[in-house]
Amino acid sequence: MPEFQQPAPWPQTPVATDDAAVDSLLDALTPLATAPAAAHAAVYTELHDALLTELNTEPAAAPSPAAPPVPGNRTGTAG
């Protein structure tokens, strides 16, 4: 019989996604290590729905680049 091996720590340290909103949602996984298995499905379902909503949200529009200066008009001077 193989010797008993200690399980790896769980949950493992999450990897950042470079999306603060998604990282925030993934924090919901942290309490699963101590939650009863019967509660896991509800957490996963909620997380799935929240991630789906977040990932389908259009990113905020990037600000438009500054308009090029109009020839003959110097910024900071009276017209």
C-alpha atoms as a PDB file:
ATOM      1  CA  MET A   1       0.000   0.000   0.000  1.00  0.00           C
ATOM      2  CA  PRO A   2       1.307   3.479  -0.803  1.00  0.00           C
ATOM      3  CA  GLU A   3       2.139   5.751   2.080  1.00  0.00           C
ATOM      4  CA  PHE A   4      -0.346   8.449   2.993  1.00  0.00           C
ATOM      5  CA  GLN A   5       0.485  11.771   1.363  1.00  0.00           C
ATOM      6  CA  GLN A   6      -0.646  15.077   2.754  1.00  0.00           C
ATOM      7  CA  PRO A   7      -2.958  16.842   0.313  1.00  0.00           C
ATOM      8  CA  ALA A   8      -1.706  20.008  -1.311  1.00  0.00           C
ATOM      9  CA  PRO A   9      -2.968  23.189   0.343  1.00  0.00           C
ATOM     10  CA  TRP A  10      -6.288  24.189  -1.079  1.00  0.00           C
ATOM     11  CA  PRO A  11      -7.330  26.465  -2.538  1.00  0.00           C
ATOM     12  CA  GLN A  12      -4.042  27.291  -4.126  1.00  0.00           C
ATOM     13  CA  THR A  13      -3.018  30.911  -4.348  1.00  0.00           C
ATOM     14  CA  PRO A  14      -5.109  32.400  -7.157  1.00  0.00           C
ATOM     15  CA  VAL A  15      -3.340  33.819 -10.169  1.00  0.00           C
ATOM     16  CA  ALA A  16      -4.119  37.447 -10.932  1.00  0.00           C
ATOM     17  CA  THR A  17      -6.029  37.933 -14.171  1.00  0.00           C
ATOM     18  CA  ASP A  18      -5.109  41.603 -14.702  1.00  0.00           C
ATOM     19  CA  ASP A  19      -8.821  42.349 -14.469  1.00  0.00           C
ATOM     20  CA  ALA A  20      -9.658  43.750 -11.043  1.00  0.00           C
ATOM     21  CA  ALA A  21     -13.360  42.954 -11.382  1.00  0.00           C
ATOM     22  CA  VAL A  22     -12.680  39.303 -12.232  1.00  0.00           C
ATOM     23  CA  ASP A  23     -10.066  38.989  -9.476  1.00  0.00           C
ATOM     24  CA  SER A  24     -12.601  40.372  -7.023  1.00  0.00           C
ATOM     25  CA  LEU A  25     -15.188  37.784  -8.091  1.00  0.00           C
ATOM     26  CA  LEU A  26     -12.665  34.956  -7.754  1.00  0.00           C
ATOM     27  CA  ASP A  27     -12.251  35.872  -4.081  1.00  0.00           C
ATOM     28  CA  ALA A  28     -15.538  33.993  -3.572  1.00  0.00           C
ATOM     29  CA  LEU A  29     -13.555  30.750  -3.910  1.00  0.00           C
ATOM     30  CA  THR A  30     -11.495  31.390  -0.766  1.00  0.00           C
ATOM     31  CA  PRO A  31     -14.065  30.127   1.783  1.00  0.00           C
ATOM     32  CA  LEU A  32     -14.665  26.881  -0.133  1.00  0.00           C
ATOM     33  CA  ALA A  33     -11.778  25.182   1.676  1.00  0.00           C
ATOM     34  CA  THR A  34     -13.759  25.233   4.916  1.00  0.00           C
ATOM     35  CA  ALA A  35     -17.284  25.069   3.489  1.00  0.00           C
ATOM     36  CA  PRO A  36     -19.168  21.783   3.380  1.00  0.00           C
ATOM     37  CA  ALA A  37     -19.130  20.125  -0.037  1.00  0.00           C
ATOM     38  CA  ALA A  38     -22.898  20.541  -0.274  1.00  0.00           C
ATOM     39  CA  ALA A  39     -22.404  24.336  -0.396  1.00  0.00           C
ATOM     40  CA  HIS A  40     -19.865  24.263  -3.232  1.00  0.00           C
ATOM     41  CA  ALA A  41     -22.358  23.949  -6.081  1.00  0.00           C
ATOM     42  CA  ALA A  42     -24.169  27.131  -5.075  1.00  0.00           C
ATOM     43  CA  VAL A  43     -20.884  29.063  -4.826  1.00  0.00           C
ATOM     44  CA  TYR A  44     -19.728  27.801  -8.225  1.00  0.00           C
ATOM     45  CA  THR A  45     -23.082  28.618  -9.817  1.00  0.00           C
ATOM     46  CA  GLU A  46     -23.077  32.129  -8.391  1.00  0.00           C
ATOM     47  CA  LEU A  47     -19.466  32.654  -9.446  1.00  0.00           C
ATOM     48  CA  HIS A  48     -20.159  31.351 -12.951  1.00  0.00           C
ATOM     49  CA  ASP A  49     -23.091  33.716 -13.397  1.00  0.00           C
ATOM     50  CA  ALA A  50     -21.141  36.698 -12.022  1.00  0.00           C
ATOM     51  CA  LEU A  51     -18.142  35.963 -14.265  1.00  0.00           C
ATOM     52  CA  LEU A  52     -20.389  35.533 -17.287  1.00  0.00           C
ATOM     53  CA  THR A  53     -22.006  38.900 -16.607  1.00  0.00           C
ATOM     54  CA  GLU A  54     -18.654  40.612 -16.024  1.00  0.00           C
ATOM     55  CA  LEU A  55     -16.965  39.114 -19.063  1.00  0.00           C
ATOM     56  CA  ASN A  56     -19.904  40.029 -21.312  1.00  0.00           C
ATOM     57  CA  THR A  57     -19.895  43.636 -20.145  1.00  0.00           C
ATOM     58  CA  GLU A  58     -18.451  46.022 -22.690  1.00  0.00           C
ATOM     59  CA  PRO A  59     -15.301  47.666 -21.393  1.00  0.00           C
ATOM     60  CA  ALA A  60     -15.562  51.349 -20.636  1.00  0.00           C
ATOM     61  CA  ALA A  61     -14.852  53.405 -23.703  1.00  0.00           C
ATOM     62  CA  ALA A  62     -11.286  54.633 -23.800  1.00  0.00           C
ATOM     63  CA  PRO A  63     -10.995  58.393 -23.741  1.00  0.00           C
ATOM     64  CA  SER A  64     -10.639  59.903 -27.174  1.00  0.00           C
ATOM     65  CA  PRO A  65      -7.193  61.193 -28.004  1.00  0.00           C
ATOM     66  CA  ALA A  66      -6.878  64.946 -27.750  1.00  0.00           C
ATOM     67  CA  ALA A  67      -7.900  66.723 -30.911  1.00  0.00           C
ATOM     68  CA  PRO A  68      -4.950  67.970 -32.921  1.00  0.00           C
ATOM     69  CA  PRO A  69      -4.267  71.672 -32.487  1.00  0.00           C
ATOM     70  CA  VAL A  70      -5.969  73.972 -34.931  1.00  0.00           C
ATOM     71  CA  PRO A  71      -3.390  75.811 -37.056  1.00  0.00           C
ATOM     72  CA  GLY A  72      -2.979  79.395 -35.913  1.00  0.00           C
ATOM     73  CA  ASN A  73      -4.553  78.728 -32.471  1.00  0.00           C
ATOM     74  CA  ARG A  74      -2.045  78.557 -29.621  1.00  0.00           C
ATOM     75  CA  THR A  75      -3.213  76.882 -26.456  1.00  0.00           C
ATOM     76  CA  GLY A  76      -3.078  79.129 -23.420  1.00  0.00           C
ATOM     77  CA  THR A  77      -3.283  82.408 -25.284  1.00  0.00           C
ATOM     78  CA  ALA A  78      -6.230  84.718 -25.549  1.00  0.00           C
ATOM     79  CA  GLY A  79      -8.033  84.479 -28.855  1.00  0.00           C
END
